[in-house]
C-alpha cells in the first residue's frame, strides 16, 4: 500500500455477533453491554444468547437498558426496527393482549 492509503482490517464480527436469541441481539457492543448486565460472557460465547434462560435475561436487560418508561410508543421504539407493517403487527398484538384480560 502506498503512502496515505488506509490499511483494511477484516473481521468476522458481523457474522459472529449476528442476530440470536428471542429478539435477535446483534452487534458486538450489544453482546458486551448486555452480557455485562446479566453476568454472562456473551462476547466470548455468543451462542449463550440462544439458551432459553439466558436469552430471556438478555431481553429483560435490553429493555431495561433502553426503555424510559414513557409509554407504548417508546417501548416499541426500544425493541426493534419499526417498519409500518411491523409497527402495526406490534400494535395488533398489544390490543390482543389487552383484550385478553389475562393479566388484569
C-alpha atoms as a PDB file:
ATOM      1  CA  UNK A   1       0.000   0.000   0.000  1.00  0.00           C
ATOM      2  CA  UNK A   2       1.250   3.407  -0.873  1.00  0.00           C
ATOM      3  CA  UNK A   3       1.642   6.412   1.372  1.00  0.00           C
ATOM      4  CA  UNK A   4      -1.644   7.792   2.558  1.00  0.00           C
ATOM      5  CA  UNK A   5      -3.627   4.653   1.822  1.00  0.00           C
ATOM      6  CA  UNK A   6      -5.662   3.096   4.576  1.00  0.00           C
ATOM      7  CA  UNK A   7      -4.961  -0.398   5.834  1.00  0.00           C
ATOM      8  CA  UNK A   8      -8.048  -2.562   5.685  1.00  0.00           C
ATOM      9  CA  UNK A   9      -8.604  -4.960   8.547  1.00  0.00           C
ATOM     10  CA  UNK A  10     -11.030  -7.773   8.044  1.00  0.00           C
ATOM     11  CA  UNK A  11     -13.042  -9.148  10.950  1.00  0.00           C
ATOM     12  CA  UNK A  12     -15.835 -11.645  11.243  1.00  0.00           C
ATOM     13  CA  UNK A  13     -17.710  -9.614  13.846  1.00  0.00           C
ATOM     14  CA  UNK A  14     -20.760  -9.230  11.604  1.00  0.00           C
ATOM     15  CA  UNK A  15     -21.247 -12.986  11.435  1.00  0.00           C
ATOM     16  CA  UNK A  16     -20.007 -13.734  14.946  1.00  0.00           C
ATOM     17  CA  UNK A  17     -22.375 -11.229  16.568  1.00  0.00           C
ATOM     18  CA  UNK A  18     -25.336 -11.801  14.256  1.00  0.00           C
ATOM     19  CA  UNK A  19     -28.907 -11.851  15.497  1.00  0.00           C
ATOM     20  CA  UNK A  20     -29.507 -14.506  18.136  1.00  0.00           C
ATOM     21  CA  UNK A  21     -31.973 -15.212  20.869  1.00  0.00           C
ATOM     22  CA  UNK A  22     -35.601 -14.268  21.380  1.00  0.00           C
ATOM     23  CA  UNK A  23     -35.236 -10.770  19.946  1.00  0.00           C
ATOM     24  CA  UNK A  24     -32.187 -11.202  17.714  1.00  0.00           C
ATOM     25  CA  UNK A  25     -29.424  -9.496  19.721  1.00  0.00           C
ATOM     26  CA  UNK A  26     -26.884  -8.101  17.244  1.00  0.00           C
ATOM     27  CA  UNK A  27     -23.531  -6.284  17.211  1.00  0.00           C
ATOM     28  CA  UNK A  28     -20.542  -6.925  19.429  1.00  0.00           C
ATOM     29  CA  UNK A  29     -21.103  -3.846  21.614  1.00  0.00           C
ATOM     30  CA  UNK A  30     -24.629  -5.071  22.447  1.00  0.00           C
ATOM     31  CA  UNK A  31     -23.323  -8.562  23.280  1.00  0.00           C
ATOM     32  CA  UNK A  32     -20.762  -6.920  25.591  1.00  0.00           C
ATOM     33  CA  UNK A  33     -23.120  -4.446  27.304  1.00  0.00           C
ATOM     34  CA  UNK A  34     -25.991  -6.890  27.767  1.00  0.00           C
ATOM     35  CA  UNK A  35     -23.617  -9.695  28.793  1.00  0.00           C
ATOM     36  CA  UNK A  36     -22.122  -7.445  31.471  1.00  0.00           C
ATOM     37  CA  UNK A  37     -25.620  -6.557  32.692  1.00  0.00           C
ATOM     38  CA  UNK A  38     -26.600 -10.218  33.146  1.00  0.00           C
ATOM     39  CA  UNK A  39     -23.204 -11.533  34.281  1.00  0.00           C
ATOM     40  CA  UNK A  40     -22.516 -13.641  31.183  1.00  0.00           C
ATOM     41  CA  UNK A  41     -19.596 -13.548  28.733  1.00  0.00           C
ATOM     42  CA  UNK A  42     -21.660 -13.171  25.578  1.00  0.00           C
ATOM     43  CA  UNK A  43     -18.699 -11.817  23.612  1.00  0.00           C
ATOM     44  CA  UNK A  44     -16.640 -14.919  24.402  1.00  0.00           C
ATOM     45  CA  UNK A  45     -19.578 -17.273  23.833  1.00  0.00           C
ATOM     46  CA  UNK A  46     -22.238 -15.573  21.697  1.00  0.00           C
ATOM     47  CA  UNK A  47     -24.301 -18.765  21.367  1.00  0.00           C
ATOM     48  CA  UNK A  48     -25.275 -18.411  25.047  1.00  0.00           C
ATOM     49  CA  UNK A  49     -27.932 -15.963  23.838  1.00  0.00           C
ATOM     50  CA  UNK A  50     -29.770 -18.968  22.351  1.00  0.00           C
ATOM     51  CA  UNK A  51     -30.128 -20.608  25.790  1.00  0.00           C
ATOM     52  CA  UNK A  52     -33.734 -20.109  26.895  1.00  0.00           C
ATOM     53  CA  UNK A  53     -32.885 -18.739  30.360  1.00  0.00           C
ATOM     54  CA  UNK A  54     -30.013 -16.537  29.223  1.00  0.00           C
ATOM     55  CA  UNK A  55     -31.999 -15.409  26.190  1.00  0.00           C
ATOM     56  CA  UNK A  56     -34.871 -14.306  28.428  1.00  0.00           C
ATOM     57  CA  UNK A  57     -32.403 -12.428  30.652  1.00  0.00           C
ATOM     58  CA  UNK A  58     -30.994 -10.640  27.576  1.00  0.00           C
ATOM     59  CA  UNK A  59     -34.485  -9.442  26.623  1.00  0.00           C
ATOM     60  CA  UNK A  60     -35.144  -8.023  30.094  1.00  0.00           C
ATOM     61  CA  UNK A  61     -31.707  -6.360  30.255  1.00  0.00           C
ATOM     62  CA  UNK A  62     -32.040  -4.919  26.743  1.00  0.00           C
ATOM     63  CA  UNK A  63     -35.420  -3.377  27.526  1.00  0.00           C
ATOM     64  CA  UNK A  64     -34.263  -2.073  30.915  1.00  0.00           C
ATOM     65  CA  UNK A  65     -31.257  -0.509  29.171  1.00  0.00           C
ATOM     66  CA  UNK A  66     -33.337   1.258  26.516  1.00  0.00           C
ATOM     67  CA  UNK A  67     -36.903   1.828  27.744  1.00  0.00           C
ATOM     68  CA  UNK A  68     -37.507   5.125  29.507  1.00  0.00           C
ATOM     69  CA  UNK A  69     -40.963   4.284  30.871  1.00  0.00           C
ATOM     70  CA  UNK A  70     -42.777   6.805  28.704  1.00  0.00           C
ATOM     71  CA  UNK A  71     -45.415   4.569  27.146  1.00  0.00           C
ATOM     72  CA  UNK A  72     -46.219   2.150  24.373  1.00  0.00           C
ATOM     73  CA  UNK A  73     -44.542   4.037  21.511  1.00  0.00           C
ATOM     74  CA  UNK A  74     -41.293   4.292  23.477  1.00  0.00           C
ATOM     75  CA  UNK A  75     -41.485   0.564  24.228  1.00  0.00           C
ATOM     76  CA  UNK A  76     -41.928  -0.251  20.541  1.00  0.00           C
ATOM     77  CA  UNK A  77     -39.039   2.036  19.649  1.00  0.00           C
ATOM     78  CA  UNK A  78     -36.676   0.379  22.120  1.00  0.00           C
ATOM     79  CA  UNK A  79     -37.234  -3.192  20.965  1.00  0.00           C
ATOM     80  CA  UNK A  80     -36.631  -3.126  17.280  1.00  0.00           C
ATOM     81  CA  UNK A  81     -36.998  -1.733  13.858  1.00  0.00           C
ATOM     82  CA  UNK A  82     -40.485  -0.462  13.134  1.00  0.00           C
ATOM     83  CA  UNK A  83     -41.485  -0.519   9.503  1.00  0.00           C
ATOM     84  CA  UNK A  84     -45.184   0.301   9.105  1.00  0.00           C
ATOM     85  CA  UNK A  85     -46.133  -3.377   8.826  1.00  0.00           C
ATOM     86  CA  UNK A  86     -44.062  -4.414  11.862  1.00  0.00           C
ATOM     87  CA  UNK A  87     -45.344  -1.492  13.947  1.00  0.00           C
ATOM     88  CA  UNK A  88     -48.933  -2.367  13.003  1.00  0.00           C
ATOM     89  CA  UNK A  89     -48.354  -6.009  13.967  1.00  0.00           C
ATOM     90  CA  UNK A  90     -46.946  -4.961  17.353  1.00  0.00           C
ATOM     91  CA  UNK A  91     -49.985  -2.740  17.896  1.00  0.00           C
ATOM     92  CA  UNK A  92     -52.333  -5.594  16.987  1.00  0.00           C
ATOM     93  CA  UNK A  93     -50.573  -7.979  19.374  1.00  0.00           C
ATOM     94  CA  UNK A  94     -50.776  -5.386  22.142  1.00  0.00           C
ATOM     95  CA  UNK A  95     -54.501  -4.965  21.545  1.00  0.00           C
ATOM     96  CA  UNK A  96     -54.995  -8.751  21.688  1.00  0.00           C
ATOM     97  CA  UNK A  97     -53.041  -8.885  24.936  1.00  0.00           C
ATOM     98  CA  UNK A  98     -55.067  -6.068  26.497  1.00  0.00           C
ATOM     99  CA  UNK A  99     -58.360  -7.575  25.332  1.00  0.00           C
ATOM    100  CA  UNK A 100     -57.485 -10.983  26.768  1.00  0.00           C
ATOM    101  CA  UNK A 101     -57.693  -9.731  30.348  1.00  0.00           C
ATOM    102  CA  UNK A 102     -55.149 -12.403  31.192  1.00  0.00           C
ATOM    103  CA  UNK A 103     -53.008 -10.087  33.294  1.00  0.00           C
ATOM    104  CA  UNK A 104     -55.713  -7.729  34.559  1.00  0.00           C
END
